[in-house]
Amino acid sequence: MSLLRVLLCIIFPPLAVIDKGCGSVLIVFLLTIAGWIPGVIAALVIVNKR
C-alpha cells in the first residue's frame, strides 16, 4: 500500500478505491456520507486487500 493511497483514504475515501470496482466505490461513498470515520476504515480495508 503506497503512502499516496493511504492519504487518499484519509482525505477522500471514495477516490482511493476508484480502481477496485463500482461496488466498492458505492459502499465507501455511502459509508463516507453516513460518517467520515466508517468511510475511511472501509477504504483502508479495501485498499489493503490483495
N, C-alpha and C. Protein backbone atom coordinates (compact mmCIF):
# COMPACT_ATOMS: atom_id res chain seq x y z
N MET A 1 0.86 -1.16 0.00
CA MET A 1 0.00 0.00 0.00
C MET A 1 0.91 1.23 0.00
N SER A 2 0.66 2.12 -0.93
CA SER A 2 1.50 3.30 -1.05
C SER A 2 1.02 4.43 -0.12
N LEU A 3 1.92 5.32 0.14
CA LEU A 3 1.60 6.46 1.01
C LEU A 3 0.53 7.35 0.38
N LEU A 4 0.59 7.52 -0.94
CA LEU A 4 -0.42 8.33 -1.63
C LEU A 4 -1.81 7.72 -1.48
N ARG A 5 -1.89 6.41 -1.59
CA ARG A 5 -3.19 5.73 -1.47
C ARG A 5 -3.74 5.87 -0.05
N VAL A 6 -2.88 5.79 0.96
CA VAL A 6 -3.31 5.96 2.35
C VAL A 6 -3.81 7.38 2.58
N LEU A 7 -3.10 8.36 2.03
CA LEU A 7 -3.54 9.75 2.16
C LEU A 7 -4.88 9.98 1.47
N LEU A 8 -5.08 9.35 0.31
CA LEU A 8 -6.37 9.45 -0.35
C LEU A 8 -7.48 8.81 0.48
N CYS A 9 -7.16 7.71 1.14
CA CYS A 9 -8.15 7.05 2.01
C CYS A 9 -8.57 7.98 3.14
N ILE A 10 -7.64 8.75 3.65
CA ILE A 10 -7.95 9.63 4.77
C ILE A 10 -8.66 10.89 4.30
N ILE A 11 -8.22 11.47 3.19
CA ILE A 11 -8.78 12.74 2.72
C ILE A 11 -10.13 12.54 2.02
N PHE A 12 -10.17 11.65 1.03
CA PHE A 12 -11.40 11.41 0.27
C PHE A 12 -11.49 9.92 -0.06
N PRO A 13 -12.09 9.14 0.82
CA PRO A 13 -12.10 7.68 0.68
C PRO A 13 -12.62 7.12 -0.64
N PRO A 14 -13.71 7.64 -1.23
CA PRO A 14 -14.17 7.04 -2.49
C PRO A 14 -13.16 7.14 -3.63
N LEU A 15 -12.36 8.19 -3.63
CA LEU A 15 -11.37 8.35 -4.69
C LEU A 15 -10.25 7.32 -4.56
N ALA A 16 -9.97 6.86 -3.36
CA ALA A 16 -8.90 5.89 -3.14
C ALA A 16 -9.27 4.51 -3.67
N VAL A 17 -10.55 4.18 -3.74
CA VAL A 17 -10.97 2.84 -4.19
C VAL A 17 -11.59 2.87 -5.57
N ILE A 18 -11.32 3.90 -6.34
CA ILE A 18 -11.94 4.06 -7.65
C ILE A 18 -11.56 2.92 -8.61
N ASP A 19 -10.39 2.33 -8.45
CA ASP A 19 -9.96 1.26 -9.34
C ASP A 19 -10.36 -0.14 -8.86
N LYS A 20 -11.06 -0.22 -7.74
CA LYS A 20 -11.46 -1.51 -7.18
C LYS A 20 -12.84 -1.97 -7.64
N GLY A 21 -13.54 -1.15 -8.39
CA GLY A 21 -14.84 -1.53 -8.91
C GLY A 21 -15.95 -0.63 -8.41
N CYS A 22 -17.07 -0.70 -9.10
CA CYS A 22 -18.21 0.17 -8.80
C CYS A 22 -18.82 -0.11 -7.43
N GLY A 23 -18.89 -1.38 -7.06
CA GLY A 23 -19.48 -1.75 -5.77
C GLY A 23 -18.68 -1.21 -4.60
N SER A 24 -17.38 -1.28 -4.70
CA SER A 24 -16.52 -0.77 -3.62
C SER A 24 -16.66 0.73 -3.49
N VAL A 25 -16.70 1.42 -4.61
CA VAL A 25 -16.84 2.88 -4.59
C VAL A 25 -18.18 3.26 -3.97
N LEU A 26 -19.23 2.54 -4.32
CA LEU A 26 -20.56 2.85 -3.78
C LEU A 26 -20.62 2.60 -2.28
N ILE A 27 -20.08 1.50 -1.84
CA ILE A 27 -20.09 1.19 -0.39
C ILE A 27 -19.30 2.23 0.38
N VAL A 28 -18.10 2.56 -0.10
CA VAL A 28 -17.28 3.55 0.60
C VAL A 28 -17.94 4.92 0.55
N PHE A 29 -18.56 5.27 -0.55
CA PHE A 29 -19.25 6.56 -0.66
C PHE A 29 -20.40 6.66 0.33
N LEU A 30 -21.19 5.60 0.42
CA LEU A 30 -22.32 5.62 1.36
C LEU A 30 -21.85 5.67 2.81
N LEU A 31 -20.79 4.93 3.11
CA LEU A 31 -20.24 4.99 4.47
C LEU A 31 -19.63 6.35 4.78
N THR A 32 -19.05 6.99 3.78
CA THR A 32 -18.48 8.32 3.98
C THR A 32 -19.58 9.34 4.22
N ILE A 33 -20.70 9.20 3.54
CA ILE A 33 -21.83 10.10 3.77
C ILE A 33 -22.40 9.87 5.17
N ALA A 34 -22.48 8.60 5.59
CA ALA A 34 -23.02 8.29 6.92
C ALA A 34 -22.11 8.79 8.03
N GLY A 35 -20.84 8.78 7.77
CA GLY A 35 -19.86 9.24 8.76
C GLY A 35 -18.48 9.10 8.16
N TRP A 36 -17.65 10.08 8.38
CA TRP A 36 -16.34 10.09 7.72
C TRP A 36 -15.46 8.93 8.18
N ILE A 37 -15.48 8.62 9.46
CA ILE A 37 -14.62 7.56 10.01
C ILE A 37 -14.96 6.18 9.42
N PRO A 38 -16.24 5.78 9.32
CA PRO A 38 -16.52 4.47 8.69
C PRO A 38 -16.07 4.40 7.24
N GLY A 39 -16.17 5.51 6.52
CA GLY A 39 -15.71 5.54 5.14
C GLY A 39 -14.21 5.36 5.04
N VAL A 40 -13.47 6.00 5.94
CA VAL A 40 -12.01 5.87 5.95
C VAL A 40 -11.60 4.44 6.29
N ILE A 41 -12.25 3.85 7.28
CA ILE A 41 -11.93 2.48 7.68
C ILE A 41 -12.23 1.50 6.55
N ALA A 42 -13.38 1.66 5.90
CA ALA A 42 -13.74 0.77 4.80
C ALA A 42 -12.76 0.93 3.63
N ALA A 43 -12.38 2.15 3.33
CA ALA A 43 -11.43 2.38 2.24
C ALA A 43 -10.07 1.76 2.56
N LEU A 44 -9.62 1.90 3.78
CA LEU A 44 -8.34 1.30 4.16
C LEU A 44 -8.39 -0.22 4.07
N VAL A 45 -9.51 -0.81 4.47
CA VAL A 45 -9.65 -2.27 4.40
C VAL A 45 -9.66 -2.73 2.95
N ILE A 46 -10.39 -2.03 2.10
CA ILE A 46 -10.49 -2.42 0.68
C ILE A 46 -9.15 -2.24 -0.03
N VAL A 47 -8.47 -1.14 0.25
CA VAL A 47 -7.18 -0.89 -0.39
C VAL A 47 -6.14 -1.88 0.10
N ASN A 48 -6.23 -2.29 1.35
CA ASN A 48 -5.24 -3.22 1.92
C ASN A 48 -5.44 -4.65 1.43
N LYS A 49 -6.63 -5.00 0.95
CA LYS A 49 -6.87 -6.35 0.40
C LYS A 49 -6.08 -6.54 -0.87
N ARG A 50 -5.64 -7.75 -1.10
CA ARG A 50 -4.92 -8.03 -2.34
C ARG A 50 -5.78 -8.73 -3.32
